[in-house]
Amino acid sequence: MKVLSVTLDEWSDDEIDAMIEVGGNSTANSIYEAFLPEGVSKPGPDSSHEERVRFIRSKYELQEFLKPSLRITSGKTSSSSLNSNFSTKFFDSFQIPSVSQKSEGMVEFIGLLKVKVKKGTNLAIRDMMSSDPYVVLTLGKQTVQTTAMKSNLNPVWNEELMLSVPDDFGPIKLSVFDYDTFSADDIMGEAEIDIQPLITSAMAFGDPEMFGNMQIGKWLKSHDNALIDDSIINIVDGKVKQEISLKLQNVESGELEVELEWMPLDQ
């Protein structure tokens, strides 16, 4: 995070353009200071350095002053409960399209998710000396998978897989398997990816092409998820992306790196 003074610092063209795209301080404050709890006030000219640092971290890093309905928390919450958390006015303003009108026996989709399976590290051995790993992603009734990598415990896939996100989305279930020719494939670990923080952030900011590169959300590491570190959600070159590092569960070893990109249906 960098704080610039209008009068004391020199601004690059990129920094000026980014501020214009965000809409200036007033627009940024309308998002990041939308809900100041009772008893909390902005530091004044006489405030100490510690008070200023504490307020800035609470505002931008921890995002404590966003409206409660926009705060991004980990949890397997369906889109229907997400809708109820947003105020009607806020949610309607985004006019999320769907591929079909609601009708019995049909599924509505709210967007597409591009999942780039990047690489695995220190994966488990399932053959004599190595494994032939591949990754399977499941969202609702959809299942996609990468190619199998021959005898490789540190595979680099960099494969992009596409998933349609239904209105009642849940987490992505990720599994790693060892490919076997003559027997059932062996499990090499699993994890769940909570996509609610990504979708909530994308909806909150609307068209990402209106903004410069910036952080817009975060999926926090906790004891009940597989994150190795907090996962940051950014706008990068007009696209909403999220880098995720996972420690595979129910296995002796293994980590996986993936990247998510949210794609509204109007794209």
C-alpha atoms as a PDB file:
ATOM      1  CA  MET A   1       0.000   0.000   0.000  1.00  0.00           C
ATOM      2  CA  LYS A   2       1.304   3.486  -0.877  1.00  0.00           C
ATOM      3  CA  VAL A   3      -0.090   6.823   0.278  1.00  0.00           C
ATOM      4  CA  LEU A   4       0.637   9.878  -1.858  1.00  0.00           C
ATOM      5  CA  SER A   5       0.228  13.530  -1.022  1.00  0.00           C
ATOM      6  CA  VAL A   6      -1.224  15.803  -3.691  1.00  0.00           C
ATOM      7  CA  THR A   7       1.110  18.647  -2.776  1.00  0.00           C
ATOM      8  CA  LEU A   8       4.219  16.936  -1.367  1.00  0.00           C
ATOM      9  CA  ASP A   9       4.720  13.954  -3.690  1.00  0.00           C
ATOM     10  CA  GLU A  10       5.320  13.535  -7.404  1.00  0.00           C
ATOM     11  CA  TRP A  11       2.668  11.409  -9.148  1.00  0.00           C
ATOM     12  CA  SER A  12       3.411   9.230 -12.162  1.00  0.00           C
ATOM     13  CA  ASP A  13       1.056   9.230 -15.143  1.00  0.00           C
ATOM     14  CA  ASP A  14      -0.077   5.699 -14.231  1.00  0.00           C
ATOM     15  CA  GLU A  15      -0.921   6.776 -10.674  1.00  0.00           C
ATOM     16  CA  ILE A  16      -2.900   9.778 -11.936  1.00  0.00           C
ATOM     17  CA  ASP A  17      -4.767   7.589 -14.443  1.00  0.00           C
ATOM     18  CA  ALA A  18      -5.537   5.022 -11.742  1.00  0.00           C
ATOM     19  CA  MET A  19      -6.993   7.678  -9.446  1.00  0.00           C
ATOM     20  CA  ILE A  20      -9.104   9.074 -12.279  1.00  0.00           C
ATOM     21  CA  GLU A  21     -10.403   5.594 -13.121  1.00  0.00           C
ATOM     22  CA  VAL A  22     -11.352   4.912  -9.509  1.00  0.00           C
ATOM     23  CA  GLY A  23     -13.165   8.224  -9.439  1.00  0.00           C
ATOM     24  CA  GLY A  24     -10.942  10.077  -6.994  1.00  0.00           C
ATOM     25  CA  ASN A  25     -10.871  10.091  -3.211  1.00  0.00           C
ATOM     26  CA  SER A  26     -14.589  10.732  -2.841  1.00  0.00           C
ATOM     27  CA  THR A  27     -15.511   7.612  -4.818  1.00  0.00           C
ATOM     28  CA  ALA A  28     -12.898   5.467  -3.080  1.00  0.00           C
ATOM     29  CA  ASN A  29     -14.050   6.694   0.342  1.00  0.00           C
ATOM     30  CA  SER A  30     -17.688   5.986  -0.536  1.00  0.00           C
ATOM     31  CA  ILE A  31     -16.647   2.331  -0.891  1.00  0.00           C
ATOM     32  CA  TYR A  32     -14.012   1.902   1.830  1.00  0.00           C
ATOM     33  CA  GLU A  33     -15.649   4.172   4.442  1.00  0.00           C
ATOM     34  CA  ALA A  34     -19.263   3.272   3.744  1.00  0.00           C
ATOM     35  CA  PHE A  35     -19.731   1.908   7.266  1.00  0.00           C
ATOM     36  CA  LEU A  36     -17.736   3.507  10.075  1.00  0.00           C
ATOM     37  CA  PRO A  37     -18.648   1.769  13.358  1.00  0.00           C
ATOM     38  CA  GLU A  38     -19.845   3.884  16.259  1.00  0.00           C
ATOM     39  CA  GLY A  39     -16.916   5.343  18.153  1.00  0.00           C
ATOM     40  CA  VAL A  40     -14.549   5.158  15.167  1.00  0.00           C
ATOM     41  CA  SER A  41     -13.563   8.416  13.472  1.00  0.00           C
ATOM     42  CA  LYS A  42     -11.028   9.367  10.827  1.00  0.00           C
ATOM     43  CA  PRO A  43      -7.679  10.590  12.141  1.00  0.00           C
ATOM     44  CA  GLY A  44      -7.333  14.363  12.205  1.00  0.00           C
ATOM     45  CA  PRO A  45      -4.332  16.646  11.734  1.00  0.00           C
ATOM     46  CA  ASP A  46      -3.304  16.136  15.369  1.00  0.00           C
ATOM     47  CA  SER A  47      -3.600  12.334  15.357  1.00  0.00           C
ATOM     48  CA  SER A  48      -0.512  10.264  16.130  1.00  0.00           C
ATOM     49  CA  HIS A  49       1.335   8.168  13.562  1.00  0.00           C
ATOM     50  CA  GLU A  50       0.083   4.982  15.252  1.00  0.00           C
ATOM     51  CA  GLU A  51      -3.530   6.154  14.995  1.00  0.00           C
ATOM     52  CA  ARG A  52      -3.124   6.924  11.299  1.00  0.00           C
ATOM     53  CA  VAL A  53      -1.490   3.553  10.552  1.00  0.00           C
ATOM     54  CA  ARG A  54      -4.176   1.682  12.472  1.00  0.00           C
ATOM     55  CA  PHE A  55      -6.976   3.478  10.604  1.00  0.00           C
ATOM     56  CA  ILE A  56      -5.376   2.966   7.166  1.00  0.00           C
ATOM     57  CA  ARG A  57      -4.858  -0.760   7.787  1.00  0.00           C
ATOM     58  CA  SER A  58      -8.432  -1.136   9.024  1.00  0.00           C
ATOM     59  CA  LYS A  59      -9.751   0.742   6.005  1.00  0.00           C
ATOM     60  CA  TYR A  60      -7.786  -0.792   3.125  1.00  0.00           C
ATOM     61  CA  GLU A  61      -6.074  -3.982   4.290  1.00  0.00           C
ATOM     62  CA  LEU A  62      -8.745  -5.407   6.605  1.00  0.00           C
ATOM     63  CA  GLN A  63     -11.667  -3.653   4.868  1.00  0.00           C
ATOM     64  CA  GLU A  64     -13.461  -3.213   8.179  1.00  0.00           C
ATOM     65  CA  PHE A  65     -15.465  -0.180   7.063  1.00  0.00           C
ATOM     66  CA  LEU A  66     -17.165  -1.698   4.039  1.00  0.00           C
ATOM     67  CA  LYS A  67     -20.904  -2.154   4.322  1.00  0.00           C
ATOM     68  CA  PRO A  68     -21.627  -5.424   6.162  1.00  0.00           C
ATOM     69  CA  SER A  69     -23.290  -6.783   3.030  1.00  0.00           C
ATOM     70  CA  LEU A  70     -20.049  -6.322   1.057  1.00  0.00           C
ATOM     71  CA  ARG A  71     -17.624  -7.798   3.549  1.00  0.00           C
ATOM     72  CA  ILE A  72     -15.923 -10.845   2.142  1.00  0.00           C
ATOM     73  CA  THR A  73     -15.789 -13.812   4.490  1.00  0.00           C
ATOM     74  CA  SER A  74     -14.987 -17.460   3.934  1.00  0.00           C
ATOM     75  CA  GLY A  75     -17.912 -19.809   3.985  1.00  0.00           C
ATOM     76  CA  LYS A  76     -19.899 -22.132   1.797  1.00  0.00           C
ATOM     77  CA  THR A  77     -22.786 -19.734   1.251  1.00  0.00           C
ATOM     78  CA  SER A  78     -25.040 -20.175  -1.729  1.00  0.00           C
ATOM     79  CA  SER A  79     -25.833 -17.425  -4.165  1.00  0.00           C
ATOM     80  CA  SER A  80     -29.392 -17.308  -2.884  1.00  0.00           C
ATOM     81  CA  SER A  81     -28.179 -16.297   0.566  1.00  0.00           C
ATOM     82  CA  LEU A  82     -25.748 -13.885  -1.082  1.00  0.00           C
ATOM     83  CA  ASN A  83     -28.684 -12.210  -2.794  1.00  0.00           C
ATOM     84  CA  SER A  84     -30.506 -11.811   0.499  1.00  0.00           C
ATOM     85  CA  ASN A  85     -27.452 -10.150   2.060  1.00  0.00           C
ATOM     86  CA  PHE A  86     -27.256  -7.465  -0.631  1.00  0.00           C
ATOM     87  CA  SER A  87     -29.813  -4.735  -0.459  1.00  0.00           C
ATOM     88  CA  THR A  88     -32.287  -4.886  -3.312  1.00  0.00           C
ATOM     89  CA  LYS A  89     -31.166  -1.544  -4.667  1.00  0.00           C
ATOM     90  CA  PHE A  90     -27.486  -2.522  -4.674  1.00  0.00           C
ATOM     91  CA  PHE A  91     -27.987  -5.942  -6.195  1.00  0.00           C
ATOM     92  CA  ASP A  92     -30.388  -4.758  -8.903  1.00  0.00           C
ATOM     93  CA  SER A  93     -27.901  -2.134 -10.037  1.00  0.00           C
ATOM     94  CA  PHE A  94     -25.602  -4.829 -11.373  1.00  0.00           C
ATOM     95  CA  GLN A  95     -28.327  -6.560 -13.423  1.00  0.00           C
ATOM     96  CA  ILE A  96     -26.629  -9.958 -13.469  1.00  0.00           C
ATOM     97  CA  PRO A  97     -27.643 -11.732 -16.686  1.00  0.00           C
ATOM     98  CA  SER A  98     -28.550 -15.405 -16.911  1.00  0.00           C
ATOM     99  CA  VAL A  99     -28.579 -17.817 -19.801  1.00  0.00           C
ATOM    100  CA  SER A 100     -32.188 -18.786 -19.224  1.00  0.00           C
ATOM    101  CA  GLN A 101     -35.328 -17.574 -17.525  1.00  0.00           C
ATOM    102  CA  LYS A 102     -36.237 -19.363 -14.317  1.00  0.00           C
ATOM    103  CA  SER A 103     -38.376 -22.373 -15.097  1.00  0.00           C
ATOM    104  CA  GLU A 104     -38.834 -25.829 -13.740  1.00  0.00           C
ATOM    105  CA  GLY A 105     -36.022 -28.204 -14.638  1.00  0.00           C
ATOM    106  CA  MET A 106     -33.676 -25.477 -15.921  1.00  0.00           C
ATOM    107  CA  VAL A 107     -30.496 -24.079 -14.368  1.00  0.00           C
ATOM    108  CA  GLU A 108     -29.621 -20.374 -14.320  1.00  0.00           C
ATOM    109  CA  PHE A 109     -25.983 -19.352 -14.633  1.00  0.00           C
ATOM    110  CA  ILE A 110     -24.572 -16.059 -13.395  1.00  0.00           C
ATOM    111  CA  GLY A 111     -21.156 -16.195 -15.052  1.00  0.00           C
ATOM    112  CA  LEU A 112     -18.185 -18.229 -16.180  1.00  0.00           C
ATOM    113  CA  LEU A 113     -15.079 -19.157 -14.247  1.00  0.00           C
ATOM    114  CA  LYS A 114     -11.748 -19.697 -15.953  1.00  0.00           C
ATOM    115  CA  VAL A 115      -9.568 -21.878 -13.731  1.00  0.00           C
ATOM    116  CA  LYS A 116      -5.893 -22.028 -14.597  1.00  0.00           C
ATOM    117  CA  VAL A 117      -4.309 -25.062 -12.942  1.00  0.00           C
ATOM    118  CA  LYS A 118      -0.723 -23.870 -12.696  1.00  0.00           C
ATOM    119  CA  LYS A 119       1.433 -26.399 -10.877  1.00  0.00           C
ATOM    120  CA  GLY A 120       1.762 -28.976  -8.116  1.00  0.00           C
ATOM    121  CA  THR A 121       4.563 -29.271  -5.585  1.00  0.00           C
ATOM    122  CA  ASN A 122       5.791 -32.299  -3.624  1.00  0.00           C
ATOM    123  CA  LEU A 123       2.800 -34.433  -4.593  1.00  0.00           C
ATOM    124  CA  ALA A 124       2.320 -37.855  -3.004  1.00  0.00           C
ATOM    125  CA  ILE A 125       3.886 -41.022  -4.401  1.00  0.00           C
ATOM    126  CA  ARG A 126       1.327 -43.589  -5.560  1.00  0.00           C
ATOM    127  CA  ASP A 127       3.404 -45.776  -7.897  1.00  0.00           C
ATOM    128  CA  MET A 128       6.767 -47.387  -7.161  1.00  0.00           C
ATOM    129  CA  MET A 129       8.802 -44.193  -7.193  1.00  0.00           C
ATOM    130  CA  SER A 130       6.515 -41.463  -8.520  1.00  0.00           C
ATOM    131  CA  SER A 131       2.959 -40.702  -9.713  1.00  0.00           C
ATOM    132  CA  ASP A 132       1.116 -39.702 -12.873  1.00  0.00           C
ATOM    133  CA  PRO A 133      -1.015 -36.858 -11.481  1.00  0.00           C
ATOM    134  CA  TYR A 134      -4.013 -35.082 -12.966  1.00  0.00           C
ATOM    135  CA  VAL A 135      -6.448 -32.593 -11.425  1.00  0.00           C
ATOM    136  CA  VAL A 136     -10.244 -32.887 -11.421  1.00  0.00           C
ATOM    137  CA  LEU A 137     -12.505 -29.871 -10.723  1.00  0.00           C
ATOM    138  CA  THR A 138     -16.188 -30.264  -9.872  1.00  0.00           C
ATOM    139  CA  LEU A 139     -18.766 -27.488  -9.576  1.00  0.00           C
ATOM    140  CA  GLY A 140     -22.361 -28.615  -9.267  1.00  0.00           C
ATOM    141  CA  LYS A 141     -22.891 -31.262 -11.942  1.00  0.00           C
ATOM    142  CA  GLN A 142     -19.908 -30.119 -14.029  1.00  0.00           C
ATOM    143  CA  THR A 143     -16.586 -31.936 -13.997  1.00  0.00           C
ATOM    144  CA  VAL A 144     -13.435 -30.947 -15.890  1.00  0.00           C
ATOM    145  CA  GLN A 145      -9.886 -32.242 -15.652  1.00  0.00           C
ATOM    146  CA  THR A 146      -6.310 -31.617 -16.739  1.00  0.00           C
ATOM    147  CA  THR A 147      -4.079 -33.980 -18.629  1.00  0.00           C
ATOM    148  CA  ALA A 148      -2.082 -36.570 -16.677  1.00  0.00           C
ATOM    149  CA  MET A 149       1.606 -35.801 -16.204  1.00  0.00           C
ATOM    150  CA  LYS A 150       3.831 -38.874 -16.523  1.00  0.00           C
ATOM    151  CA  SER A 151       6.054 -39.672 -13.510  1.00  0.00           C
ATOM    152  CA  ASN A 152       6.096 -36.168 -12.067  1.00  0.00           C
ATOM    153  CA  LEU A 153       5.699 -35.135  -8.416  1.00  0.00           C
ATOM    154  CA  ASN A 154       6.192 -31.444  -9.274  1.00  0.00           C
ATOM    155  CA  PRO A 155       4.086 -31.063 -12.422  1.00  0.00           C
ATOM    156  CA  VAL A 156       3.566 -27.798 -14.279  1.00  0.00           C
ATOM    157  CA  TRP A 157       0.242 -27.827 -16.129  1.00  0.00           C
ATOM    158  CA  ASN A 158      -0.665 -24.194 -16.857  1.00  0.00           C
ATOM    159  CA  GLU A 159      -3.940 -25.549 -18.253  1.00  0.00           C
ATOM    160  CA  GLU A 160      -7.083 -23.424 -18.433  1.00  0.00           C
ATOM    161  CA  LEU A 161     -10.403 -25.093 -17.628  1.00  0.00           C
ATOM    162  CA  MET A 162     -13.844 -23.465 -17.924  1.00  0.00           C
ATOM    163  CA  LEU A 163     -16.785 -23.833 -15.547  1.00  0.00           C
ATOM    164  CA  SER A 164     -20.248 -22.273 -15.694  1.00  0.00           C
ATOM    165  CA  VAL A 165     -21.299 -20.833 -12.335  1.00  0.00           C
ATOM    166  CA  PRO A 166     -24.910 -21.664 -11.421  1.00  0.00           C
ATOM    167  CA  ASP A 167     -27.159 -19.331  -9.465  1.00  0.00           C
ATOM    168  CA  ASP A 168     -26.970 -21.659  -6.446  1.00  0.00           C
ATOM    169  CA  PHE A 169     -23.201 -22.105  -6.606  1.00  0.00           C
ATOM    170  CA  GLY A 170     -21.186 -23.851  -3.928  1.00  0.00           C
ATOM    171  CA  PRO A 171     -17.435 -24.413  -3.595  1.00  0.00           C
ATOM    172  CA  ILE A 172     -15.292 -25.949  -6.309  1.00  0.00           C
ATOM    173  CA  LYS A 173     -14.223 -29.424  -5.274  1.00  0.00           C
ATOM    174  CA  LEU A 174     -10.644 -30.090  -6.357  1.00  0.00           C
ATOM    175  CA  SER A 175      -9.130 -33.582  -6.396  1.00  0.00           C
ATOM    176  CA  VAL A 176      -5.762 -34.880  -7.555  1.00  0.00           C
ATOM    177  CA  PHE A 177      -5.496 -38.449  -8.861  1.00  0.00           C
ATOM    178  CA  ASP A 178      -2.727 -40.783  -9.990  1.00  0.00           C
ATOM    179  CA  TYR A 179      -3.526 -42.218 -13.420  1.00  0.00           C
ATOM    180  CA  ASP A 180      -3.325 -46.031 -13.578  1.00  0.00           C
ATOM    181  CA  THR A 181      -3.735 -48.018 -16.774  1.00  0.00           C
ATOM    182  CA  PHE A 182      -4.835 -51.331 -15.309  1.00  0.00           C
ATOM    183  CA  SER A 183      -6.469 -50.378 -12.003  1.00  0.00           C
ATOM    184  CA  ALA A 184      -8.587 -47.646 -10.428  1.00  0.00           C
ATOM    185  CA  ASP A 185      -6.897 -44.258 -10.190  1.00  0.00           C
ATOM    186  CA  ASP A 186      -5.540 -43.485  -6.714  1.00  0.00           C
ATOM    187  CA  ILE A 187      -6.464 -40.303  -4.857  1.00  0.00           C
ATOM    188  CA  MET A 188      -3.556 -37.934  -4.194  1.00  0.00           C
ATOM    189  CA  GLY A 189      -5.339 -35.311  -2.115  1.00  0.00           C
ATOM    190  CA  GLU A 190      -8.243 -32.912  -2.305  1.00  0.00           C
ATOM    191  CA  ALA A 191      -9.336 -29.394  -1.380  1.00  0.00           C
ATOM    192  CA  GLU A 192     -12.280 -27.022  -1.694  1.00  0.00           C
ATOM    193  CA  ILE A 193     -12.159 -23.569  -3.270  1.00  0.00           C
ATOM    194  CA  ASP A 194     -14.646 -21.059  -1.891  1.00  0.00           C
ATOM    195  CA  ILE A 195     -15.596 -18.870  -4.871  1.00  0.00           C
ATOM    196  CA  GLN A 196     -17.927 -16.571  -2.926  1.00  0.00           C
ATOM    197  CA  PRO A 197     -15.216 -13.959  -2.128  1.00  0.00           C
ATOM    198  CA  LEU A 198     -14.301 -13.698  -5.823  1.00  0.00           C
ATOM    199  CA  ILE A 199     -17.884 -13.365  -7.036  1.00  0.00           C
ATOM    200  CA  THR A 200     -18.833 -10.931  -4.247  1.00  0.00           C
ATOM    201  CA  SER A 201     -15.856  -8.711  -5.110  1.00  0.00           C
ATOM    202  CA  ALA A 202     -16.593  -8.827  -8.832  1.00  0.00           C
ATOM    203  CA  MET A 203     -20.238  -7.863  -8.279  1.00  0.00           C
ATOM    204  CA  ALA A 204     -19.326  -5.060  -5.899  1.00  0.00           C
ATOM    205  CA  PHE A 205     -17.050  -3.319  -8.400  1.00  0.00           C
ATOM    206  CA  GLY A 206     -19.054  -3.981 -11.551  1.00  0.00           C
ATOM    207  CA  ASP A 207     -17.184  -3.487 -14.828  1.00  0.00           C
ATOM    208  CA  PRO A 208     -13.481  -4.081 -14.018  1.00  0.00           C
ATOM    209  CA  GLU A 209     -12.383  -2.281 -17.176  1.00  0.00           C
ATOM    210  CA  MET A 210     -13.419   0.983 -15.498  1.00  0.00           C
ATOM    211  CA  PHE A 211     -10.667   0.571 -12.892  1.00  0.00           C
ATOM    212  CA  GLY A 212      -6.915   0.395 -12.901  1.00  0.00           C
ATOM    213  CA  ASN A 213      -4.981  -2.489 -11.373  1.00  0.00           C
ATOM    214  CA  MET A 214      -5.980  -2.753  -7.731  1.00  0.00           C
ATOM    215  CA  GLN A 215      -6.844  -5.145  -4.912  1.00  0.00           C
ATOM    216  CA  ILE A 216     -10.594  -5.533  -4.424  1.00  0.00           C
ATOM    217  CA  GLY A 217     -10.951  -8.447  -2.022  1.00  0.00           C
ATOM    218  CA  LYS A 218      -9.392 -11.264  -0.077  1.00  0.00           C
ATOM    219  CA  TRP A 219     -10.131 -14.881   0.903  1.00  0.00           C
ATOM    220  CA  LEU A 220      -8.630 -15.313   4.354  1.00  0.00           C
ATOM    221  CA  LYS A 221      -6.651 -18.343   5.454  1.00  0.00           C
ATOM    222  CA  SER A 222      -8.283 -20.138   8.378  1.00  0.00           C
ATOM    223  CA  HIS A 223      -8.302 -23.511  10.140  1.00  0.00           C
ATOM    224  CA  ASP A 224     -11.331 -24.655   8.128  1.00  0.00           C
ATOM    225  CA  ASN A 225      -9.929 -24.125   4.623  1.00  0.00           C
ATOM    226  CA  ALA A 226      -6.934 -25.408   2.657  1.00  0.00           C
ATOM    227  CA  LEU A 227      -5.256 -22.051   1.996  1.00  0.00           C
ATOM    228  CA  ILE A 228      -1.518 -21.788   2.519  1.00  0.00           C
ATOM    229  CA  ASP A 229      -1.710 -17.976   2.596  1.00  0.00           C
ATOM    230  CA  ASP A 230      -4.452 -15.374   2.293  1.00  0.00           C
ATOM    231  CA  SER A 231      -5.696 -15.316  -1.289  1.00  0.00           C
ATOM    232  CA  ILE A 232      -5.845 -11.842  -2.840  1.00  0.00           C
ATOM    233  CA  ILE A 233      -8.459 -10.810  -5.404  1.00  0.00           C
ATOM    234  CA  ASN A 234      -7.244  -8.192  -7.864  1.00  0.00           C
ATOM    235  CA  ILE A 235      -8.318  -6.300 -10.934  1.00  0.00           C
ATOM    236  CA  VAL A 236      -5.509  -6.935 -13.426  1.00  0.00           C
ATOM    237  CA  ASP A 237      -5.654  -5.369 -16.887  1.00  0.00           C
ATOM    238  CA  GLY A 238      -9.424  -5.069 -16.710  1.00  0.00           C
ATOM    239  CA  LYS A 239     -10.010  -8.619 -15.437  1.00  0.00           C
ATOM    240  CA  VAL A 240     -10.935  -9.929 -11.974  1.00  0.00           C
ATOM    241  CA  LYS A 241      -8.385 -12.558 -10.959  1.00  0.00           C
ATOM    242  CA  GLN A 242      -7.455 -14.497  -7.836  1.00  0.00           C
ATOM    243  CA  GLU A 243      -4.238 -16.384  -7.099  1.00  0.00           C
ATOM    244  CA  ILE A 244      -4.707 -19.389  -4.777  1.00  0.00           C
ATOM    245  CA  SER A 245      -2.158 -21.663  -3.107  1.00  0.00           C
ATOM    246  CA  LEU A 246      -3.641 -24.806  -1.554  1.00  0.00           C
ATOM    247  CA  LYS A 247      -2.319 -27.466   0.771  1.00  0.00           C
ATOM    248  CA  LEU A 248      -3.929 -30.718  -0.327  1.00  0.00           C
ATOM    249  CA  GLN A 249      -6.025 -32.413   2.350  1.00  0.00           C
ATOM    250  CA  ASN A 250      -6.288 -36.060   3.435  1.00  0.00           C
ATOM    251  CA  VAL A 251      -2.881 -36.910   2.008  1.00  0.00           C
ATOM    252  CA  GLU A 252       0.670 -37.089   3.308  1.00  0.00           C
ATOM    253  CA  SER A 253       2.014 -34.222   1.166  1.00  0.00           C
ATOM    254  CA  GLY A 254       1.290 -31.940  -1.745  1.00  0.00           C
ATOM    255  CA  GLU A 255       0.472 -28.338  -2.689  1.00  0.00           C
ATOM    256  CA  LEU A 256      -1.315 -26.888  -5.694  1.00  0.00           C
ATOM    257  CA  GLU A 257      -1.387 -23.427  -7.279  1.00  0.00           C
ATOM    258  CA  VAL A 258      -4.373 -22.231  -9.304  1.00  0.00           C
ATOM    259  CA  GLU A 259      -5.630 -18.930 -10.685  1.00  0.00           C
ATOM    260  CA  LEU A 260      -9.298 -17.991 -10.995  1.00  0.00           C
ATOM    261  CA  GLU A 261     -10.716 -15.446 -13.431  1.00  0.00           C
ATOM    262  CA  TRP A 262     -14.332 -14.278 -13.220  1.00  0.00           C
ATOM    263  CA  MET A 263     -16.083 -13.755 -16.560  1.00  0.00           C
ATOM    264  CA  PRO A 264     -19.587 -12.204 -16.563  1.00  0.00           C
ATOM    265  CA  LEU A 265     -21.920 -13.642 -19.155  1.00  0.00           C
ATOM    266  CA  ASP A 266     -22.035 -10.364 -21.090  1.00  0.00           C
ATOM    267  CA  GLN A 267     -18.392 -10.913 -22.006  1.00  0.00           C
END
